[in-house]
């Protein structure tokens, strides 16, 4: 074998050894990294959320619609509250009117009863006077005949006869007036009794008293309708207030989503995906590390500021398998760390 052949064979041998060593080193490195990710419980994958993300557009529209619905419910129950206050004021006015009407009816009934007793006494006295006057009138006819005989006999002058007849006519007129007064007293007594009966709630016997009762009953009916309307308004306002509060809670929950926070922030926000297996290290205030070649030469690049518990799905940074977990919000001192394949929370891997 020539010298050149020996050099070629030796070179080929070293090349084979080098290639084999590289393959073995790569396999060992991959196996080491695989074992590392299986055992490590602090890794997180940075996530960039764009403002044009489909979830952001959908969530923003949902928050907008929910806020509009909540504002509409707030306006509705506030309008009902204002209407209810007006109804309460009207109810207070009607309550005073009903109370005044009831009081007036009671006072009028007592006055009618008292006056009817007095009128009854006067009526009794008047009937006695009328009976006496009738007896006097029975004697007036005899006196008139006597005046006529005396005038014919010349025992009195014609002037005396005229004056005597005028006096007797005055008695007759007084008797007629007395009888008319008696009838008026009877009528007044009848009206007072019927008014008292009507005001006491008995059969309707006097239109005037019935009108007073009808007016008071109308006030009472309006008051009951107002109370019913007020109760309905109160229940409806309470329902709308509860619905608005529930919608506000939904808005607060949606607004806490990382996708919605991106749209509300003036500065870019950084997030990282944490698998459920690493949930223990995901706490606000925990330091965040970025490493060269995943595991060596690590440096602190920020900290965790917020943990979002809504479930997310992302690809594993090594195995490219779909993994379940959640997002954490980061405060990065080095913005380039957001572009790394993987970050570590709590401590640097291998303490390097």
Protein backbone atom coordinates (compact mmCIF):
# COMPACT_ATOMS: atom_id res chain seq x y z
CA UNK A 1 0.00 0.00 0.00
CA UNK A 2 1.41 3.29 -1.01
CA UNK A 3 1.83 6.24 1.30
CA UNK A 4 -1.04 8.12 -0.39
CA UNK A 5 -3.36 5.19 0.04
CA UNK A 6 -2.47 5.02 3.72
CA UNK A 7 -3.30 8.73 4.10
CA UNK A 8 -6.64 8.27 2.33
CA UNK A 9 -7.56 5.25 4.46
CA UNK A 10 -6.59 7.08 7.64
CA UNK A 11 -8.54 10.14 6.62
CA UNK A 12 -11.56 8.03 5.76
CA UNK A 13 -11.31 6.31 9.13
CA UNK A 14 -11.16 9.63 11.00
CA UNK A 15 -13.99 10.99 8.89
CA UNK A 16 -16.14 7.98 9.70
CA UNK A 17 -15.29 8.29 13.35
CA UNK A 18 -16.12 12.02 13.21
CA UNK A 19 -19.42 11.45 11.42
CA UNK A 20 -20.34 8.66 13.78
CA UNK A 21 -19.39 10.84 16.74
CA UNK A 22 -21.48 13.71 15.39
CA UNK A 23 -24.45 11.41 14.90
CA UNK A 24 -24.07 9.96 18.35
CA UNK A 25 -23.58 13.42 19.85
CA UNK A 26 -26.70 14.67 18.07
CA UNK A 27 -28.70 11.67 19.21
CA UNK A 28 -27.42 12.05 22.77
CA UNK A 29 -28.13 15.79 22.68
CA UNK A 30 -31.66 15.20 21.39
CA UNK A 31 -32.19 12.51 24.00
CA UNK A 32 -30.85 14.86 26.68
CA UNK A 33 -33.10 17.69 25.52
CA UNK A 34 -36.06 15.30 25.36
CA UNK A 35 -35.39 14.08 28.88
CA UNK A 36 -34.88 17.67 29.96
CA UNK A 37 -38.31 18.76 28.68
CA UNK A 38 -39.89 15.66 30.18
CA UNK A 39 -38.39 16.39 33.57
CA UNK A 40 -38.40 20.20 33.53
CA UNK A 41 -41.42 21.91 35.10
CA UNK A 42 -40.51 25.57 34.53
CA UNK A 43 -40.50 26.07 30.77
CA UNK A 44 -42.94 28.34 28.97
CA UNK A 45 -43.32 29.21 25.31
CA UNK A 46 -43.53 32.92 24.39
CA UNK A 47 -46.70 33.84 22.51
CA UNK A 48 -47.16 36.89 20.30
CA UNK A 49 -50.78 38.05 20.16
CA UNK A 50 -51.46 40.28 17.18
CA UNK A 51 -54.18 42.91 17.28
CA UNK A 52 -55.66 41.31 14.17
CA UNK A 53 -55.92 37.93 15.86
CA UNK A 54 -59.24 36.23 15.16
CA UNK A 55 -59.87 35.76 18.88
CA UNK A 56 -59.32 39.49 19.47
CA UNK A 57 -61.79 40.48 16.76
CA UNK A 58 -64.40 38.03 18.03
CA UNK A 59 -63.89 38.98 21.68
CA UNK A 60 -63.94 42.72 20.97
CA UNK A 61 -67.24 42.35 19.13
CA UNK A 62 -68.67 40.26 21.98
CA UNK A 63 -67.57 42.79 24.61
CA UNK A 64 -69.05 45.63 22.53
CA UNK A 65 -72.41 43.87 22.18
CA UNK A 66 -72.48 42.90 25.84
CA UNK A 67 -71.62 46.43 26.94
CA UNK A 68 -74.37 47.83 24.72
CA UNK A 69 -76.86 45.39 26.23
CA UNK A 70 -75.72 46.29 29.77
CA UNK A 71 -75.99 50.03 29.03
CA UNK A 72 -79.48 49.47 27.62
CA UNK A 73 -80.53 47.59 30.73
CA UNK A 74 -79.04 50.30 32.95
CA UNK A 75 -80.99 52.97 31.07
CA UNK A 76 -84.16 50.87 31.29
CA UNK A 77 -84.05 50.22 35.02
CA UNK A 78 -83.05 53.83 35.75
CA UNK A 79 -86.02 55.05 33.69
CA UNK A 80 -88.27 52.65 35.59
CA UNK A 81 -86.81 53.93 38.88
CA UNK A 82 -87.61 57.53 37.89
CA UNK A 83 -91.12 56.52 36.81
CA UNK A 84 -91.57 54.64 40.08
CA UNK A 85 -90.61 57.75 42.05
CA UNK A 86 -93.23 59.74 40.13
CA UNK A 87 -95.79 57.01 40.82
CA UNK A 88 -94.91 57.10 44.53
CA UNK A 89 -95.50 60.85 44.62
CA UNK A 90 -98.85 60.41 42.84
CA UNK A 91 -99.75 57.62 45.26
CA UNK A 92 -98.93 59.88 48.23
CA UNK A 93 -101.24 62.58 46.79
CA UNK A 94 -104.05 60.06 46.25
CA UNK A 95 -103.54 58.63 49.73
CA UNK A 96 -104.04 62.12 51.15
CA UNK A 97 -107.13 62.62 48.96
CA UNK A 98 -108.61 59.26 50.03
CA UNK A 99 -107.88 59.99 53.68
CA UNK A 100 -109.40 63.47 53.32
CA UNK A 101 -112.43 62.00 51.53
CA UNK A 102 -112.97 59.35 54.20
CA UNK A 103 -112.58 61.96 56.91
CA UNK A 104 -115.00 64.33 55.15
CA UNK A 105 -117.55 61.53 54.70
CA UNK A 106 -117.31 60.59 58.37
CA UNK A 107 -117.63 64.23 59.47
CA UNK A 108 -120.55 64.84 57.12
CA UNK A 109 -122.33 61.73 58.36
CA UNK A 110 -121.90 62.82 61.98
CA UNK A 111 -123.11 66.33 61.07
CA UNK A 112 -126.12 64.91 59.19
CA UNK A 113 -127.06 62.71 62.13
CA UNK A 114 -126.74 65.59 64.58
CA UNK A 115 -128.67 67.99 62.36
CA UNK A 116 -131.35 65.41 61.60
CA UNK A 117 -131.91 65.01 65.35
CA UNK A 118 -132.31 68.77 65.71
CA UNK A 119 -134.59 68.98 62.70
CA UNK A 120 -136.65 66.12 64.07
CA UNK A 121 -137.15 68.04 67.32
CA UNK A 122 -138.08 71.19 65.40
CA UNK A 123 -140.43 69.17 63.21
CA UNK A 124 -142.18 67.79 66.27
CA UNK A 125 -142.58 71.27 67.70
CA UNK A 126 -143.81 72.53 64.35
CA UNK A 127 -146.41 69.81 64.09
CA UNK A 128 -147.77 70.89 67.49
CA UNK A 129 -147.94 74.50 66.25
CA UNK A 130 -149.72 73.42 63.09
CA UNK A 131 -152.28 71.47 65.09
CA UNK A 132 -152.97 74.53 67.23
CA UNK A 133 -153.18 76.72 64.16
CA UNK A 134 -155.73 74.36 62.61
CA UNK A 135 -157.90 74.68 65.71
CA UNK A 136 -157.62 78.46 65.47
CA UNK A 137 -158.54 78.34 61.78
CA UNK A 138 -161.64 76.35 62.67
CA UNK A 139 -162.75 79.27 64.83
CA UNK A 140 -161.86 81.88 62.16
CA UNK A 141 -164.78 80.73 60.00
CA UNK A 142 -167.16 81.50 62.90
CA UNK A 143 -165.53 84.90 63.37
CA UNK A 144 -165.96 85.72 59.69
CA UNK A 145 -169.67 84.87 59.90
CA UNK A 146 -169.95 87.10 63.00
CA UNK A 147 -168.24 89.98 61.19
CA UNK A 148 -170.70 89.67 58.31
CA UNK A 149 -173.71 89.67 60.69
CA UNK A 150 -172.39 92.65 62.62
CA UNK A 151 -171.81 94.53 59.36
CA UNK A 152 -175.36 93.77 58.18
CA UNK A 153 -176.77 94.75 61.57
CA UNK A 154 -174.79 97.98 61.50
CA UNK A 155 -172.87 97.06 64.62
CA UNK A 156 -169.52 97.90 62.88
CA UNK A 157 -168.47 100.04 60.06
CA UNK A 158 -167.27 98.73 56.77
CA UNK A 159 -163.71 99.87 57.60
CA UNK A 160 -163.78 97.89 60.81
CA UNK A 161 -165.05 94.88 58.92
CA UNK A 162 -162.22 95.20 56.36
CA UNK A 163 -159.62 95.44 59.08
CA UNK A 164 -161.08 92.45 60.88
CA UNK A 165 -161.16 90.39 57.68
CA UNK A 166 -157.47 91.42 56.96
CA UNK A 167 -156.48 90.26 60.42
CA UNK A 168 -158.20 86.92 59.86
CA UNK A 169 -156.52 86.54 56.44
CA UNK A 170 -153.19 87.20 58.13
CA UNK A 171 -153.93 84.31 60.47
CA UNK A 172 -154.76 82.10 57.50
CA UNK A 173 -151.53 83.10 55.71
CA UNK A 174 -149.49 82.42 58.84
CA UNK A 175 -151.10 78.99 59.09
CA UNK A 176 -150.25 78.27 55.45
CA UNK A 177 -146.64 79.39 55.99
CA UNK A 178 -146.42 77.25 59.09
CA UNK A 179 -147.65 74.23 57.16
CA UNK A 180 -145.13 74.92 54.37
CA UNK A 181 -142.37 75.22 56.96
CA UNK A 182 -143.43 71.89 58.42
CA UNK A 183 -143.24 70.27 54.99
CA UNK A 184 -139.79 71.81 54.41
CA UNK A 185 -138.60 70.46 57.77
CA UNK A 186 -139.90 67.01 56.91
CA UNK A 187 -138.14 67.15 53.57
CA UNK A 188 -134.88 68.34 55.16
CA UNK A 189 -135.10 65.59 57.76
CA UNK A 190 -135.67 63.00 55.04
CA UNK A 191 -132.63 64.24 53.06
CA UNK A 192 -130.41 64.25 56.15
CA UNK A 193 -131.42 60.70 57.05
CA UNK A 194 -130.88 59.45 53.50
CA UNK A 195 -127.51 61.23 53.33
CA UNK A 196 -126.37 59.64 56.61
CA UNK A 197 -127.52 56.21 55.40
CA UNK A 198 -125.71 56.62 52.08
CA UNK A 199 -122.51 57.90 53.72
CA UNK A 200 -122.62 54.98 56.16
CA UNK A 201 -122.33 52.58 53.23
CA UNK A 202 -125.99 51.65 53.09
CA UNK A 203 -128.20 51.67 49.98
CA UNK A 204 -127.61 54.65 47.70
CA UNK A 205 -130.49 57.00 48.59
CA UNK A 206 -129.11 60.50 48.03
CA UNK A 207 -127.37 61.50 44.77
CA UNK A 208 -125.21 64.20 46.41
CA UNK A 209 -123.84 61.82 49.04
CA UNK A 210 -123.41 59.12 46.40
CA UNK A 211 -121.35 61.58 44.32
CA UNK A 212 -119.00 62.19 47.27
CA UNK A 213 -118.61 58.46 47.83
CA UNK A 214 -118.08 57.90 44.11
CA UNK A 215 -115.33 60.52 43.99
CA UNK A 216 -113.57 58.95 46.98
CA UNK A 217 -113.97 55.47 45.46
CA UNK A 218 -112.44 56.78 42.22
CA UNK A 219 -109.43 58.08 44.14
CA UNK A 220 -109.11 54.73 45.89
CA UNK A 221 -109.25 52.84 42.57
CA UNK A 222 -106.59 55.12 41.07
CA UNK A 223 -104.46 54.52 44.15
CA UNK A 224 -104.73 50.74 43.81
CA UNK A 225 -103.84 50.95 40.11
CA UNK A 226 -100.83 53.10 40.95
CA UNK A 227 -99.70 50.64 43.62
CA UNK A 228 -100.02 47.74 41.16
CA UNK A 229 -98.08 49.67 38.51
CA UNK A 230 -95.46 50.60 41.09
CA UNK A 231 -95.06 46.97 42.13
CA UNK A 232 -94.68 45.90 38.49
CA UNK A 233 -92.14 48.66 37.85
CA UNK A 234 -90.15 47.73 40.94
CA UNK A 235 -90.00 44.06 39.98
CA UNK A 236 -89.07 44.86 36.38
CA UNK A 237 -86.41 47.36 37.49
CA UNK A 238 -84.93 44.79 39.90
CA UNK A 239 -84.82 42.18 37.14
CA UNK A 240 -83.13 44.56 34.72
CA UNK A 241 -80.68 45.68 37.40
CA UNK A 242 -79.71 42.07 38.10
CA UNK A 243 -79.36 41.34 34.39
CA UNK A 244 -77.18 44.44 33.94
CA UNK A 245 -75.00 43.39 36.89
CA UNK A 246 -74.60 39.92 35.41
CA UNK A 247 -73.62 41.41 32.07
CA UNK A 248 -71.11 43.68 33.83
CA UNK A 249 -69.58 40.61 35.44
CA UNK A 250 -69.38 38.95 32.03
CA UNK A 251 -67.72 42.09 30.63
CA UNK A 252 -65.23 42.09 33.51
CA UNK A 253 -64.42 38.44 32.80
CA UNK A 254 -64.06 39.05 29.06
CA UNK A 255 -62.01 42.20 29.66
CA UNK A 256 -59.55 40.21 31.73
CA UNK A 257 -58.82 37.97 28.75
CA UNK A 258 -55.29 38.42 27.34
CA UNK A 259 -56.77 38.92 23.88
CA UNK A 260 -58.90 41.85 25.04
CA UNK A 261 -56.10 43.35 27.13
CA UNK A 262 -53.98 43.58 23.99
CA UNK A 263 -56.56 45.91 22.42
CA UNK A 264 -56.77 48.12 25.52
CA UNK A 265 -53.05 48.55 26.13
CA UNK A 266 -51.11 51.46 24.66
CA UNK A 267 -47.88 49.44 24.77
CA UNK A 268 -47.26 45.92 23.40
CA UNK A 269 -47.96 43.14 25.89
CA UNK A 270 -45.93 39.96 26.19
CA UNK A 271 -47.38 36.55 26.97
CA UNK A 272 -46.12 33.00 27.39
CA UNK A 273 -47.89 29.67 27.17
CA UNK A 274 -47.51 27.49 30.29
CA UNK A 275 -48.53 23.80 30.11
CA UNK A 276 -50.60 22.42 32.95
CA UNK A 277 -47.64 20.29 34.02
CA UNK A 278 -45.76 23.50 34.90
CA UNK A 279 -48.69 25.22 36.57
CA UNK A 280 -46.99 25.32 40.00
CA UNK A 281 -44.34 27.86 38.91
CA UNK A 282 -46.79 30.22 37.19
CA UNK A 283 -47.32 32.86 39.88
CA UNK A 284 -47.20 36.66 39.69
CA UNK A 285 -43.77 38.01 40.60
CA UNK A 286 -41.83 34.93 39.49
CA UNK A 287 -38.64 35.77 37.50
CA UNK A 288 -38.37 34.82 33.82
CA UNK A 289 -35.15 33.58 32.22
CA UNK A 290 -34.00 33.28 28.60
CA UNK A 291 -31.21 30.81 27.68
CA UNK A 292 -28.92 30.19 24.76
CA UNK A 293 -29.53 26.78 23.13
CA UNK A 294 -32.53 26.35 25.41
CA UNK A 295 -30.62 25.41 28.56
CA UNK A 296 -27.24 27.14 28.86
CA UNK A 297 -26.00 30.69 29.50
CA UNK A 298 -29.29 31.96 30.96
CA UNK A 299 -30.15 35.51 31.99
CA UNK A 300 -33.14 37.07 33.66
CA UNK A 301 -35.29 38.98 31.18
CA UNK A 302 -38.38 39.90 33.22
CA UNK A 303 -41.08 38.57 35.52
CA UNK A 304 -44.65 37.24 35.55
CA UNK A 305 -47.25 39.97 36.15
CA UNK A 306 -50.57 38.19 35.65
CA UNK A 307 -51.88 34.65 35.30
CA UNK A 308 -54.85 33.97 32.98
CA UNK A 309 -56.68 30.74 33.79
CA UNK A 310 -58.60 30.31 30.55
CA UNK A 311 -57.47 27.16 28.79
CA UNK A 312 -55.31 27.55 25.69
CA UNK A 313 -53.77 25.04 23.29
CA UNK A 314 -50.32 25.40 21.74
CA UNK A 315 -47.61 23.28 20.13
CA UNK A 316 -44.84 21.86 22.28
CA UNK A 317 -41.60 23.75 21.39
CA UNK A 318 -39.72 20.48 20.86
CA UNK A 319 -42.19 17.74 19.99
CA UNK A 320 -44.62 19.89 17.99
CA UNK A 321 -47.54 18.22 19.71
CA UNK A 322 -50.67 20.07 20.78
CA UNK A 323 -50.42 20.83 24.48
CA UNK A 324 -53.07 22.14 26.88
CA UNK A 325 -52.28 24.96 29.27
CA UNK A 326 -52.86 28.67 29.91
CA UNK A 327 -51.26 32.07 29.27
CA UNK A 328 -49.28 34.26 31.66
CA UNK A 329 -48.59 37.94 31.11
CA UNK A 330 -44.94 38.97 31.24
CA UNK A 331 -43.10 42.17 31.99
CA UNK A 332 -39.99 41.80 29.83
CA UNK A 333 -36.97 44.01 30.27
CA UNK A 334 -35.61 42.69 26.96
CA UNK A 335 -38.20 42.73 24.22
CA UNK A 336 -36.18 40.29 22.09
CA UNK A 337 -36.89 37.57 24.64
CA UNK A 338 -40.48 37.46 23.33
CA UNK A 339 -39.08 35.97 20.10
CA UNK A 340 -37.25 33.11 21.84
CA UNK A 341 -38.49 29.57 21.37
CA UNK A 342 -38.74 28.92 25.12
CA UNK A 343 -38.40 30.78 28.42
CA UNK A 344 -38.11 29.53 31.98
CA UNK A 345 -40.13 30.70 34.98
CA UNK A 346 -38.93 30.69 38.58
CA UNK A 347 -35.29 29.76 37.99
CA UNK A 348 -32.82 29.02 35.21
CA UNK A 349 -32.60 25.38 34.12
CA UNK A 350 -29.57 23.50 35.44
CA UNK A 351 -28.91 26.62 37.60
CA UNK A 352 -26.68 27.93 34.76
